[in-house]
C-alpha cells in the first residue's frame, strides 16, 4: 500500500469548502439570474 485504508476513507470525506469566519450560512438573492456578458454562462456567488 501507499496509503492506509483509514487515510483513504478519511480523504474521501474531507471538504475544502470555505465557510465564513462567523460560521453563518449566507443567501445570495441573484443566484441563477445573472449571466456573464462575454460568455453567457451563469455567474457564481461568493
ModelCIF file with pLDDT and N, C-alpha, C, O atoms, coordinates in Angstrom:
data_MODEL
#
_entry.id   MODEL 
#
_entity.id                         1 
_entity.type                       polymer 
_entity.pdbx_number_of_molecules   1 
#
_entity_poly.entity_id                      1 
_entity_poly.type                           'polypeptide(L)' 
_entity_poly.nstd_linkage                   no 
_entity_poly.nstd_monomer                   no 
_entity_poly.pdbx_seq_one_letter_code       
;(UNK)(UNK)(UNK)(UNK)(UNK)(UNK)(UNK)(UNK)(UNK)(UNK)(UNK)(UNK)(UNK)(UNK)(UNK)(UNK)
(UNK)(UNK)(UNK)(UNK)(UNK)(UNK)(UNK)(UNK)(UNK)(UNK)(UNK)(UNK)(UNK)(UNK)(UNK)(UNK)
(UNK)(UNK)(UNK)(UNK)(UNK)(UNK)(UNK)(UNK)(UNK)(UNK)(UNK)(UNK)(UNK)(UNK)
;
_entity_poly.pdbx_seq_one_letter_code_can   XXXXXXXXXXXXXXXXXXXXXXXXXXXXXXXXXXXXXXXXXXXXXX 
_entity_poly.pdbx_strand_id                 A 
#
loop_
_entity_poly_seq.entity_id 
_entity_poly_seq.num 
_entity_poly_seq.mon_id 
_entity_poly_seq.hetero 
1 1  UNK n 
1 2  UNK n 
1 3  UNK n 
1 4  UNK n 
1 5  UNK n 
1 6  UNK n 
1 7  UNK n 
1 8  UNK n 
1 9  UNK n 
1 10 UNK n 
1 11 UNK n 
1 12 UNK n 
1 13 UNK n 
1 14 UNK n 
1 15 UNK n 
1 16 UNK n 
1 17 UNK n 
1 18 UNK n 
1 19 UNK n 
1 20 UNK n 
1 21 UNK n 
1 22 UNK n 
1 23 UNK n 
1 24 UNK n 
1 25 UNK n 
1 26 UNK n 
1 27 UNK n 
1 28 UNK n 
1 29 UNK n 
1 30 UNK n 
1 31 UNK n 
1 32 UNK n 
1 33 UNK n 
1 34 UNK n 
1 35 UNK n 
1 36 UNK n 
1 37 UNK n 
1 38 UNK n 
1 39 UNK n 
1 40 UNK n 
1 41 UNK n 
1 42 UNK n 
1 43 UNK n 
1 44 UNK n 
1 45 UNK n 
1 46 UNK n 
#
_struct_asym.id          A 
_struct_asym.entity_id   1 
#
loop_
_ma_qa_metric.id 
_ma_qa_metric.mode 
_ma_qa_metric.name 
_ma_qa_metric.software_group_id 
_ma_qa_metric.type 
1 global pLDDT . pLDDT 
2 local  pLDDT . pLDDT 
#
_ma_qa_metric_global.metric_id      1 
_ma_qa_metric_global.metric_value   79.96 
_ma_qa_metric_global.model_id       1 
_ma_qa_metric_global.ordinal_id     1 
#
loop_
_ma_qa_metric_local.label_asym_id 
_ma_qa_metric_local.label_comp_id 
_ma_qa_metric_local.label_seq_id 
_ma_qa_metric_local.metric_id 
_ma_qa_metric_local.metric_value 
_ma_qa_metric_local.model_id 
_ma_qa_metric_local.ordinal_id 
A UNK 1  2 95.00 1 1  
A UNK 2  2 96.00 1 2  
A UNK 3  2 96.00 1 3  
A UNK 4  2 95.00 1 4  
A UNK 5  2 94.00 1 5  
A UNK 6  2 95.00 1 6  
A UNK 7  2 94.00 1 7  
A UNK 8  2 95.00 1 8  
A UNK 9  2 94.00 1 9  
A UNK 10 2 93.00 1 10 
A UNK 11 2 93.00 1 11 
A UNK 12 2 91.00 1 12 
A UNK 13 2 88.00 1 13 
A UNK 14 2 84.00 1 14 
A UNK 15 2 71.00 1 15 
A UNK 16 2 54.00 1 16 
A UNK 17 2 55.00 1 17 
A UNK 18 2 58.00 1 18 
A UNK 19 2 60.00 1 19 
A UNK 20 2 61.00 1 20 
A UNK 21 2 62.00 1 21 
A UNK 22 2 65.00 1 22 
A UNK 23 2 65.00 1 23 
A UNK 24 2 70.00 1 24 
A UNK 25 2 72.00 1 25 
A UNK 26 2 74.00 1 26 
A UNK 27 2 77.00 1 27 
A UNK 28 2 79.00 1 28 
A UNK 29 2 82.00 1 29 
A UNK 30 2 82.00 1 30 
A UNK 31 2 78.00 1 31 
A UNK 32 2 79.00 1 32 
A UNK 33 2 84.00 1 33 
A UNK 34 2 85.00 1 34 
A UNK 35 2 85.00 1 35 
A UNK 36 2 84.00 1 36 
A UNK 37 2 80.00 1 37 
A UNK 38 2 79.00 1 38 
A UNK 39 2 78.00 1 39 
A UNK 40 2 79.00 1 40 
A UNK 41 2 79.00 1 41 
A UNK 42 2 81.00 1 42 
A UNK 43 2 82.00 1 43 
A UNK 44 2 79.00 1 44 
A UNK 45 2 80.00 1 45 
A UNK 46 2 76.00 1 46 
#
loop_
_atom_site.group_PDB 
_atom_site.id 
_atom_site.type_symbol 
_atom_site.label_atom_id 
_atom_site.label_alt_id 
_atom_site.label_comp_id 
_atom_site.label_asym_id 
_atom_site.label_entity_id 
_atom_site.label_seq_id 
_atom_site.pdbx_PDB_ins_code 
_atom_site.Cartn_x 
_atom_site.Cartn_y 
_atom_site.Cartn_z 
_atom_site.occupancy 
_atom_site.B_iso_or_equiv 
_atom_site.pdbx_formal_charge 
_atom_site.auth_seq_id 
_atom_site.auth_comp_id 
_atom_site.auth_asym_id 
_atom_site.auth_atom_id 
_atom_site.pdbx_PDB_model_num 
ATOM 1   N N  . UNK A 1 1  ? 0.833   -1.205 0.000   1.00 95.00 ? 1  UNK A N  1 
ATOM 2   C CA . UNK A 1 1  ? 0.000   0.000  0.000   1.00 95.00 ? 1  UNK A CA 1 
ATOM 3   C C  . UNK A 1 1  ? 0.868   1.256  0.000   1.00 95.00 ? 1  UNK A C  1 
ATOM 4   O O  . UNK A 1 1  ? 2.017   1.236  0.441   1.00 95.00 ? 1  UNK A O  1 
ATOM 5   N N  . UNK A 1 2  ? 0.299   2.338  -0.499  1.00 96.00 ? 2  UNK A N  1 
ATOM 6   C CA . UNK A 1 2  ? 0.950   3.650  -0.440  1.00 96.00 ? 2  UNK A CA 1 
ATOM 7   C C  . UNK A 1 2  ? 0.301   4.504  0.635   1.00 96.00 ? 2  UNK A C  1 
ATOM 8   O O  . UNK A 1 2  ? 0.971   5.307  1.284   1.00 96.00 ? 2  UNK A O  1 
ATOM 9   N N  . UNK A 1 3  ? -1.013  4.333  0.826   1.00 96.00 ? 3  UNK A N  1 
ATOM 10  C CA . UNK A 1 3  ? -1.728  4.994  1.928   1.00 96.00 ? 3  UNK A CA 1 
ATOM 11  C C  . UNK A 1 3  ? -2.535  3.921  2.653   1.00 96.00 ? 3  UNK A C  1 
ATOM 12  O O  . UNK A 1 3  ? -2.894  2.897  2.071   1.00 96.00 ? 3  UNK A O  1 
ATOM 13  N N  . UNK A 1 4  ? -2.810  4.167  3.910   1.00 95.00 ? 4  UNK A N  1 
ATOM 14  C CA . UNK A 1 4  ? -3.586  3.210  4.688   1.00 95.00 ? 4  UNK A CA 1 
ATOM 15  C C  . UNK A 1 4  ? -5.064  3.313  4.311   1.00 95.00 ? 4  UNK A C  1 
ATOM 16  O O  . UNK A 1 4  ? -5.512  4.324  3.770   1.00 95.00 ? 4  UNK A O  1 
ATOM 17  N N  . UNK A 1 5  ? -5.807  2.254  4.605   1.00 94.00 ? 5  UNK A N  1 
ATOM 18  C CA . UNK A 1 5  ? -7.231  2.276  4.309   1.00 94.00 ? 5  UNK A CA 1 
ATOM 19  C C  . UNK A 1 5  ? -7.931  3.376  5.100   1.00 94.00 ? 5  UNK A C  1 
ATOM 20  O O  . UNK A 1 5  ? -8.851  4.017  4.591   1.00 94.00 ? 5  UNK A O  1 
ATOM 21  N N  . UNK A 1 6  ? -7.501  3.597  6.338   1.00 95.00 ? 6  UNK A N  1 
ATOM 22  C CA . UNK A 1 6  ? -8.112  4.630  7.170   1.00 95.00 ? 6  UNK A CA 1 
ATOM 23  C C  . UNK A 1 6  ? -7.894  6.018  6.562   1.00 95.00 ? 6  UNK A C  1 
ATOM 24  O O  . UNK A 1 6  ? -8.813  6.837  6.530   1.00 95.00 ? 6  UNK A O  1 
ATOM 25  N N  . UNK A 1 7  ? -6.664  6.281  6.075   1.00 94.00 ? 7  UNK A N  1 
ATOM 26  C CA . UNK A 1 7  ? -6.384  7.588  5.464   1.00 94.00 ? 7  UNK A CA 1 
ATOM 27  C C  . UNK A 1 7  ? -7.148  7.756  4.162   1.00 94.00 ? 7  UNK A C  1 
ATOM 28  O O  . UNK A 1 7  ? -7.608  8.855  3.852   1.00 94.00 ? 7  UNK A O  1 
ATOM 29  N N  . UNK A 1 8  ? -7.289  6.672  3.391   1.00 95.00 ? 8  UNK A N  1 
ATOM 30  C CA . UNK A 1 8  ? -8.017  6.778  2.126   1.00 95.00 ? 8  UNK A CA 1 
ATOM 31  C C  . UNK A 1 8  ? -9.477  7.143  2.380   1.00 95.00 ? 8  UNK A C  1 
ATOM 32  O O  . UNK A 1 8  ? -10.026 8.032  1.730   1.00 95.00 ? 8  UNK A O  1 
ATOM 33  N N  . UNK A 1 9  ? -10.102 6.443  3.336   1.00 94.00 ? 9  UNK A N  1 
ATOM 34  C CA . UNK A 1 9  ? -11.506 6.721  3.639   1.00 94.00 ? 9  UNK A CA 1 
ATOM 35  C C  . UNK A 1 9  ? -11.663 8.133  4.191   1.00 94.00 ? 9  UNK A C  1 
ATOM 36  O O  . UNK A 1 9  ? -12.624 8.830  3.863   1.00 94.00 ? 9  UNK A O  1 
ATOM 37  N N  . UNK A 1 10 ? -10.716 8.555  5.031   1.00 93.00 ? 10 UNK A N  1 
ATOM 38  C CA . UNK A 1 10 ? -10.790 9.912  5.595   1.00 93.00 ? 10 UNK A CA 1 
ATOM 39  C C  . UNK A 1 10 ? -10.671 10.962 4.500   1.00 93.00 ? 10 UNK A C  1 
ATOM 40  O O  . UNK A 1 10 ? -11.327 12.001 4.564   1.00 93.00 ? 10 UNK A O  1 
ATOM 41  N N  . UNK A 1 11 ? -9.830  10.696 3.487   1.00 93.00 ? 11 UNK A N  1 
ATOM 42  C CA . UNK A 1 11 ? -9.655  11.664 2.402   1.00 93.00 ? 11 UNK A CA 1 
ATOM 43  C C  . UNK A 1 11 ? -10.917 11.809 1.565   1.00 93.00 ? 11 UNK A C  1 
ATOM 44  O O  . UNK A 1 11 ? -11.130 12.845 0.936   1.00 93.00 ? 11 UNK A O  1 
ATOM 45  N N  . UNK A 1 12 ? -11.761 10.772 1.553   1.00 91.00 ? 12 UNK A N  1 
ATOM 46  C CA . UNK A 1 12 ? -12.981 10.843 0.741   1.00 91.00 ? 12 UNK A CA 1 
ATOM 47  C C  . UNK A 1 12 ? -14.031 11.766 1.350   1.00 91.00 ? 12 UNK A C  1 
ATOM 48  O O  . UNK A 1 12 ? -14.913 12.259 0.647   1.00 91.00 ? 12 UNK A O  1 
ATOM 49  N N  . UNK A 1 13 ? -13.935 11.998 2.655   1.00 88.00 ? 13 UNK A N  1 
ATOM 50  C CA . UNK A 1 13 ? -14.955 12.814 3.308   1.00 88.00 ? 13 UNK A CA 1 
ATOM 51  C C  . UNK A 1 13 ? -14.442 14.199 3.647   1.00 88.00 ? 13 UNK A C  1 
ATOM 52  O O  . UNK A 1 13 ? -15.157 14.983 4.270   1.00 88.00 ? 13 UNK A O  1 
ATOM 53  N N  . UNK A 1 14 ? -13.213 14.519 3.249   1.00 84.00 ? 14 UNK A N  1 
ATOM 54  C CA . UNK A 1 14 ? -12.683 15.852 3.504   1.00 84.00 ? 14 UNK A CA 1 
ATOM 55  C C  . UNK A 1 14 ? -13.390 16.841 2.594   1.00 84.00 ? 14 UNK A C  1 
ATOM 56  O O  . UNK A 1 14 ? -13.570 16.585 1.403   1.00 84.00 ? 14 UNK A O  1 
ATOM 57  N N  . UNK A 1 15 ? -13.781 17.946 3.146   1.00 71.00 ? 15 UNK A N  1 
ATOM 58  C CA . UNK A 1 15 ? -14.387 19.024 2.373   1.00 71.00 ? 15 UNK A CA 1 
ATOM 59  C C  . UNK A 1 15 ? -13.544 20.273 2.532   1.00 71.00 ? 15 UNK A C  1 
ATOM 60  O O  . UNK A 1 15 ? -13.270 20.707 3.651   1.00 71.00 ? 15 UNK A O  1 
ATOM 61  N N  . UNK A 1 16 ? -13.137 20.845 1.424   1.00 54.00 ? 16 UNK A N  1 
ATOM 62  C CA . UNK A 1 16 ? -12.327 22.060 1.465   1.00 54.00 ? 16 UNK A CA 1 
ATOM 63  C C  . UNK A 1 16 ? -13.177 23.298 1.259   1.00 54.00 ? 16 UNK A C  1 
ATOM 64  O O  . UNK A 1 16 ? -12.643 24.369 0.968   1.00 54.00 ? 16 UNK A O  1 
ATOM 65  N N  . UNK A 1 17 ? -14.489 23.175 1.405   1.00 55.00 ? 17 UNK A N  1 
ATOM 66  C CA . UNK A 1 17 ? -15.383 24.299 1.183   1.00 55.00 ? 17 UNK A CA 1 
ATOM 67  C C  . UNK A 1 17 ? -15.160 25.356 2.258   1.00 55.00 ? 17 UNK A C  1 
ATOM 68  O O  . UNK A 1 17 ? -15.204 25.069 3.454   1.00 55.00 ? 17 UNK A O  1 
ATOM 69  N N  . UNK A 1 18 ? -14.926 26.550 1.817   1.00 58.00 ? 18 UNK A N  1 
ATOM 70  C CA . UNK A 1 18 ? -14.701 27.649 2.754   1.00 58.00 ? 18 UNK A CA 1 
ATOM 71  C C  . UNK A 1 18 ? -16.020 28.096 3.382   1.00 58.00 ? 18 UNK A C  1 
ATOM 72  O O  . UNK A 1 18 ? -17.041 28.186 2.701   1.00 58.00 ? 18 UNK A O  1 
ATOM 73  N N  . UNK A 1 19 ? -15.990 28.367 4.655   1.00 60.00 ? 19 UNK A N  1 
ATOM 74  C CA . UNK A 1 19 ? -17.150 28.892 5.363   1.00 60.00 ? 19 UNK A CA 1 
ATOM 75  C C  . UNK A 1 19 ? -16.773 30.236 5.969   1.00 60.00 ? 19 UNK A C  1 
ATOM 76  O O  . UNK A 1 19 ? -15.618 30.443 6.339   1.00 60.00 ? 19 UNK A O  1 
ATOM 77  N N  . UNK A 1 20 ? -17.719 31.141 6.073   1.00 61.00 ? 20 UNK A N  1 
ATOM 78  C CA . UNK A 1 20 ? -17.409 32.438 6.689   1.00 61.00 ? 20 UNK A CA 1 
ATOM 79  C C  . UNK A 1 20 ? -16.841 32.268 8.089   1.00 61.00 ? 20 UNK A C  1 
ATOM 80  O O  . UNK A 1 20 ? -17.124 31.281 8.767   1.00 61.00 ? 20 UNK A O  1 
ATOM 81  N N  . UNK A 1 21 ? -16.045 33.229 8.515   1.00 62.00 ? 21 UNK A N  1 
ATOM 82  C CA . UNK A 1 21 ? -15.402 33.134 9.825   1.00 62.00 ? 21 UNK A CA 1 
ATOM 83  C C  . UNK A 1 21 ? -16.429 33.056 10.948  1.00 62.00 ? 21 UNK A C  1 
ATOM 84  O O  . UNK A 1 21 ? -16.183 32.426 11.977  1.00 62.00 ? 21 UNK A O  1 
ATOM 85  N N  . UNK A 1 22 ? -17.578 33.695 10.750  1.00 65.00 ? 22 UNK A N  1 
ATOM 86  C CA . UNK A 1 22 ? -18.592 33.662 11.806  1.00 65.00 ? 22 UNK A CA 1 
ATOM 87  C C  . UNK A 1 22 ? -19.422 32.395 11.772  1.00 65.00 ? 22 UNK A C  1 
ATOM 88  O O  . UNK A 1 22 ? -20.264 32.182 12.644  1.00 65.00 ? 22 UNK A O  1 
ATOM 89  N N  . UNK A 1 23 ? -19.187 31.519 10.738  1.00 65.00 ? 23 UNK A N  1 
ATOM 90  C CA . UNK A 1 23 ? -19.872 30.242 10.665  1.00 65.00 ? 23 UNK A CA 1 
ATOM 91  C C  . UNK A 1 23 ? -21.290 30.308 10.145  1.00 65.00 ? 23 UNK A C  1 
ATOM 92  O O  . UNK A 1 23 ? -21.966 29.280 10.100  1.00 65.00 ? 23 UNK A O  1 
ATOM 93  N N  . UNK A 1 24 ? -21.774 31.489 9.746   1.00 70.00 ? 24 UNK A N  1 
ATOM 94  C CA . UNK A 1 24 ? -23.155 31.615 9.293   1.00 70.00 ? 24 UNK A CA 1 
ATOM 95  C C  . UNK A 1 24 ? -23.291 31.263 7.810   1.00 70.00 ? 24 UNK A C  1 
ATOM 96  O O  . UNK A 1 24 ? -22.366 31.487 7.028   1.00 70.00 ? 24 UNK A O  1 
ATOM 97  N N  . UNK A 1 25 ? -24.427 30.720 7.433   1.00 72.00 ? 25 UNK A N  1 
ATOM 98  C CA . UNK A 1 25 ? -24.747 30.499 6.019   1.00 72.00 ? 25 UNK A CA 1 
ATOM 99  C C  . UNK A 1 25 ? -25.309 31.777 5.428   1.00 72.00 ? 25 UNK A C  1 
ATOM 100 O O  . UNK A 1 25 ? -26.054 32.500 6.090   1.00 72.00 ? 25 UNK A O  1 
ATOM 101 N N  . UNK A 1 26 ? -24.954 32.055 4.187   1.00 74.00 ? 26 UNK A N  1 
ATOM 102 C CA . UNK A 1 26 ? -25.418 33.275 3.540   1.00 74.00 ? 26 UNK A CA 1 
ATOM 103 C C  . UNK A 1 26 ? -26.312 32.935 2.348   1.00 74.00 ? 26 UNK A C  1 
ATOM 104 O O  . UNK A 1 26 ? -26.137 31.906 1.696   1.00 74.00 ? 26 UNK A O  1 
ATOM 105 N N  . UNK A 1 27 ? -27.243 33.795 2.087   1.00 77.00 ? 27 UNK A N  1 
ATOM 106 C CA . UNK A 1 27 ? -28.163 33.628 0.968   1.00 77.00 ? 27 UNK A CA 1 
ATOM 107 C C  . UNK A 1 27 ? -27.851 34.672 -0.094  1.00 77.00 ? 27 UNK A C  1 
ATOM 108 O O  . UNK A 1 27 ? -27.751 35.863 0.202   1.00 77.00 ? 27 UNK A O  1 
ATOM 109 N N  . UNK A 1 28 ? -27.700 34.219 -1.328  1.00 79.00 ? 28 UNK A N  1 
ATOM 110 C CA . UNK A 1 28 ? -27.418 35.111 -2.448  1.00 79.00 ? 28 UNK A CA 1 
ATOM 111 C C  . UNK A 1 28 ? -28.675 35.205 -3.304  1.00 79.00 ? 28 UNK A C  1 
ATOM 112 O O  . UNK A 1 28 ? -29.088 34.231 -3.933  1.00 79.00 ? 28 UNK A O  1 
ATOM 113 N N  . UNK A 1 29 ? -29.268 36.379 -3.319  1.00 82.00 ? 29 UNK A N  1 
ATOM 114 C CA . UNK A 1 29 ? -30.576 36.559 -3.931  1.00 82.00 ? 29 UNK A CA 1 
ATOM 115 C C  . UNK A 1 29 ? -30.555 36.442 -5.453  1.00 82.00 ? 29 UNK A C  1 
ATOM 116 O O  . UNK A 1 29 ? -31.579 36.117 -6.055  1.00 82.00 ? 29 UNK A O  1 
ATOM 117 N N  . UNK A 1 30 ? -29.429 36.695 -6.078  1.00 82.00 ? 30 UNK A N  1 
ATOM 118 C CA . UNK A 1 30 ? -29.369 36.733 -7.546  1.00 82.00 ? 30 UNK A CA 1 
ATOM 119 C C  . UNK A 1 30 ? -28.767 35.470 -8.150  1.00 82.00 ? 30 UNK A C  1 
ATOM 120 O O  . UNK A 1 30 ? -28.436 35.441 -9.335  1.00 82.00 ? 30 UNK A O  1 
ATOM 121 N N  . UNK A 1 31 ? -28.628 34.435 -7.344  1.00 78.00 ? 31 UNK A N  1 
ATOM 122 C CA . UNK A 1 31 ? -28.086 33.172 -7.870  1.00 78.00 ? 31 UNK A CA 1 
ATOM 123 C C  . UNK A 1 31 ? -29.002 32.638 -8.969  1.00 78.00 ? 31 UNK A C  1 
ATOM 124 O O  . UNK A 1 31 ? -30.211 32.521 -8.767  1.00 78.00 ? 31 UNK A O  1 
ATOM 125 N N  . UNK A 1 32 ? -28.433 32.316 -10.129 1.00 79.00 ? 32 UNK A N  1 
ATOM 126 C CA . UNK A 1 32 ? -29.183 31.782 -11.250 1.00 79.00 ? 32 UNK A CA 1 
ATOM 127 C C  . UNK A 1 32 ? -29.797 32.839 -12.142 1.00 79.00 ? 32 UNK A C  1 
ATOM 128 O O  . UNK A 1 32 ? -30.319 32.520 -13.210 1.00 79.00 ? 32 UNK A O  1 
ATOM 129 N N  . UNK A 1 33 ? -29.741 34.131 -11.710 1.00 84.00 ? 33 UNK A N  1 
ATOM 130 C CA . UNK A 1 33 ? -30.327 35.205 -12.512 1.00 84.00 ? 33 UNK A CA 1 
ATOM 131 C C  . UNK A 1 33 ? -29.295 35.958 -13.334 1.00 84.00 ? 33 UNK A C  1 
ATOM 132 O O  . UNK A 1 33 ? -29.620 36.501 -14.390 1.00 84.00 ? 33 UNK A O  1 
ATOM 133 N N  . UNK A 1 34 ? -28.064 35.997 -12.865 1.00 85.00 ? 34 UNK A N  1 
ATOM 134 C CA . UNK A 1 34 ? -27.032 36.774 -13.539 1.00 85.00 ? 34 UNK A CA 1 
ATOM 135 C C  . UNK A 1 34 ? -26.208 35.891 -14.469 1.00 85.00 ? 34 UNK A C  1 
ATOM 136 O O  . UNK A 1 34 ? -25.843 34.764 -14.134 1.00 85.00 ? 34 UNK A O  1 
ATOM 137 N N  . UNK A 1 35 ? -25.927 36.442 -15.651 1.00 85.00 ? 35 UNK A N  1 
ATOM 138 C CA . UNK A 1 35 ? -25.093 35.736 -16.631 1.00 85.00 ? 35 UNK A CA 1 
ATOM 139 C C  . UNK A 1 35 ? -23.983 36.645 -17.116 1.00 85.00 ? 35 UNK A C  1 
ATOM 140 O O  . UNK A 1 35 ? -24.133 37.866 -17.179 1.00 85.00 ? 35 UNK A O  1 
ATOM 141 N N  . UNK A 1 36 ? -22.875 36.032 -17.456 1.00 84.00 ? 36 UNK A N  1 
ATOM 142 C CA . UNK A 1 36 ? -21.723 36.778 -17.945 1.00 84.00 ? 36 UNK A CA 1 
ATOM 143 C C  . UNK A 1 36 ? -22.057 37.390 -19.297 1.00 84.00 ? 36 UNK A C  1 
ATOM 144 O O  . UNK A 1 36 ? -22.601 36.716 -20.172 1.00 84.00 ? 36 UNK A O  1 
ATOM 145 N N  . UNK A 1 37 ? -21.734 38.662 -19.469 1.00 80.00 ? 37 UNK A N  1 
ATOM 146 C CA . UNK A 1 37 ? -22.000 39.331 -20.730 1.00 80.00 ? 37 UNK A CA 1 
ATOM 147 C C  . UNK A 1 37 ? -21.048 38.938 -21.832 1.00 80.00 ? 37 UNK A C  1 
ATOM 148 O O  . UNK A 1 37 ? -21.268 39.301 -22.987 1.00 80.00 ? 37 UNK A O  1 
ATOM 149 N N  . UNK A 1 38 ? -19.970 38.187 -21.504 1.00 79.00 ? 38 UNK A N  1 
ATOM 150 C CA . UNK A 1 38 ? -18.996 37.776 -22.511 1.00 79.00 ? 38 UNK A CA 1 
ATOM 151 C C  . UNK A 1 38 ? -19.271 36.363 -22.994 1.00 79.00 ? 38 UNK A C  1 
ATOM 152 O O  . UNK A 1 38 ? -19.356 36.122 -24.198 1.00 79.00 ? 38 UNK A O  1 
ATOM 153 N N  . UNK A 1 39 ? -19.414 35.418 -22.053 1.00 78.00 ? 39 UNK A N  1 
ATOM 154 C CA . UNK A 1 39 ? -19.586 34.022 -22.454 1.00 78.00 ? 39 UNK A CA 1 
ATOM 155 C C  . UNK A 1 39 ? -21.019 33.518 -22.274 1.00 78.00 ? 39 UNK A C  1 
ATOM 156 O O  . UNK A 1 39 ? -21.356 32.447 -22.779 1.00 78.00 ? 39 UNK A O  1 
ATOM 157 N N  . UNK A 1 40 ? -21.863 34.263 -21.570 1.00 79.00 ? 40 UNK A N  1 
ATOM 158 C CA . UNK A 1 40 ? -23.254 33.874 -21.419 1.00 79.00 ? 40 UNK A CA 1 
ATOM 159 C C  . UNK A 1 40 ? -23.517 32.858 -20.338 1.00 79.00 ? 40 UNK A C  1 
ATOM 160 O O  . UNK A 1 40 ? -24.665 32.458 -20.146 1.00 79.00 ? 40 UNK A O  1 
ATOM 161 N N  . UNK A 1 41 ? -22.487 32.420 -19.617 1.00 79.00 ? 41 UNK A N  1 
ATOM 162 C CA . UNK A 1 41 ? -22.684 31.420 -18.579 1.00 79.00 ? 41 UNK A CA 1 
ATOM 163 C C  . UNK A 1 41 ? -23.138 32.061 -17.272 1.00 79.00 ? 41 UNK A C  1 
ATOM 164 O O  . UNK A 1 41 ? -22.941 33.256 -17.049 1.00 79.00 ? 41 UNK A O  1 
ATOM 165 N N  . UNK A 1 42 ? -23.753 31.244 -16.408 1.00 81.00 ? 42 UNK A N  1 
ATOM 166 C CA . UNK A 1 42 ? -24.220 31.746 -15.119 1.00 81.00 ? 42 UNK A CA 1 
ATOM 167 C C  . UNK A 1 42 ? -23.043 32.202 -14.270 1.00 81.00 ? 42 UNK A C  1 
ATOM 168 O O  . UNK A 1 42 ? -21.981 31.580 -14.270 1.00 81.00 ? 42 UNK A O  1 
ATOM 169 N N  . UNK A 1 43 ? -23.248 33.286 -13.555 1.00 82.00 ? 43 UNK A N  1 
ATOM 170 C CA . UNK A 1 43 ? -22.209 33.792 -12.668 1.00 82.00 ? 43 UNK A CA 1 
ATOM 171 C C  . UNK A 1 43 ? -22.344 33.121 -11.308 1.00 82.00 ? 43 UNK A C  1 
ATOM 172 O O  . UNK A 1 43 ? -23.451 32.831 -10.854 1.00 82.00 ? 43 UNK A O  1 
ATOM 173 N N  . UNK A 1 44 ? -21.204 32.879 -10.662 1.00 79.00 ? 44 UNK A N  1 
ATOM 174 C CA . UNK A 1 44 ? -21.179 32.212 -9.380  1.00 79.00 ? 44 UNK A CA 1 
ATOM 175 C C  . UNK A 1 44 ? -21.209 33.240 -8.251  1.00 79.00 ? 44 UNK A C  1 
ATOM 176 O O  . UNK A 1 44 ? -20.676 34.343 -8.369  1.00 79.00 ? 44 UNK A O  1 
ATOM 177 N N  . UNK A 1 45 ? -21.842 32.843 -7.168  1.00 80.00 ? 45 UNK A N  1 
ATOM 178 C CA . UNK A 1 45 ? -21.893 33.718 -5.994  1.00 80.00 ? 45 UNK A CA 1 
ATOM 179 C C  . UNK A 1 45 ? -20.697 33.430 -5.097  1.00 80.00 ? 45 UNK A C  1 
ATOM 180 O O  . UNK A 1 45 ? -20.243 32.289 -5.009  1.00 80.00 ? 45 UNK A O  1 
ATOM 181 N N  . UNK A 1 46 ? -20.189 34.456 -4.433  1.00 76.00 ? 46 UNK A N  1 
ATOM 182 C CA . UNK A 1 46 ? -19.090 34.285 -3.467  1.00 76.00 ? 46 UNK A CA 1 
ATOM 183 C C  . UNK A 1 46 ? -19.046 35.510 -2.573  1.00 76.00 ? 46 UNK A C  1 
ATOM 184 O O  . UNK A 1 46 ? -18.202 35.593 -1.681  1.00 76.00 ? 46 UNK A O  1 
#
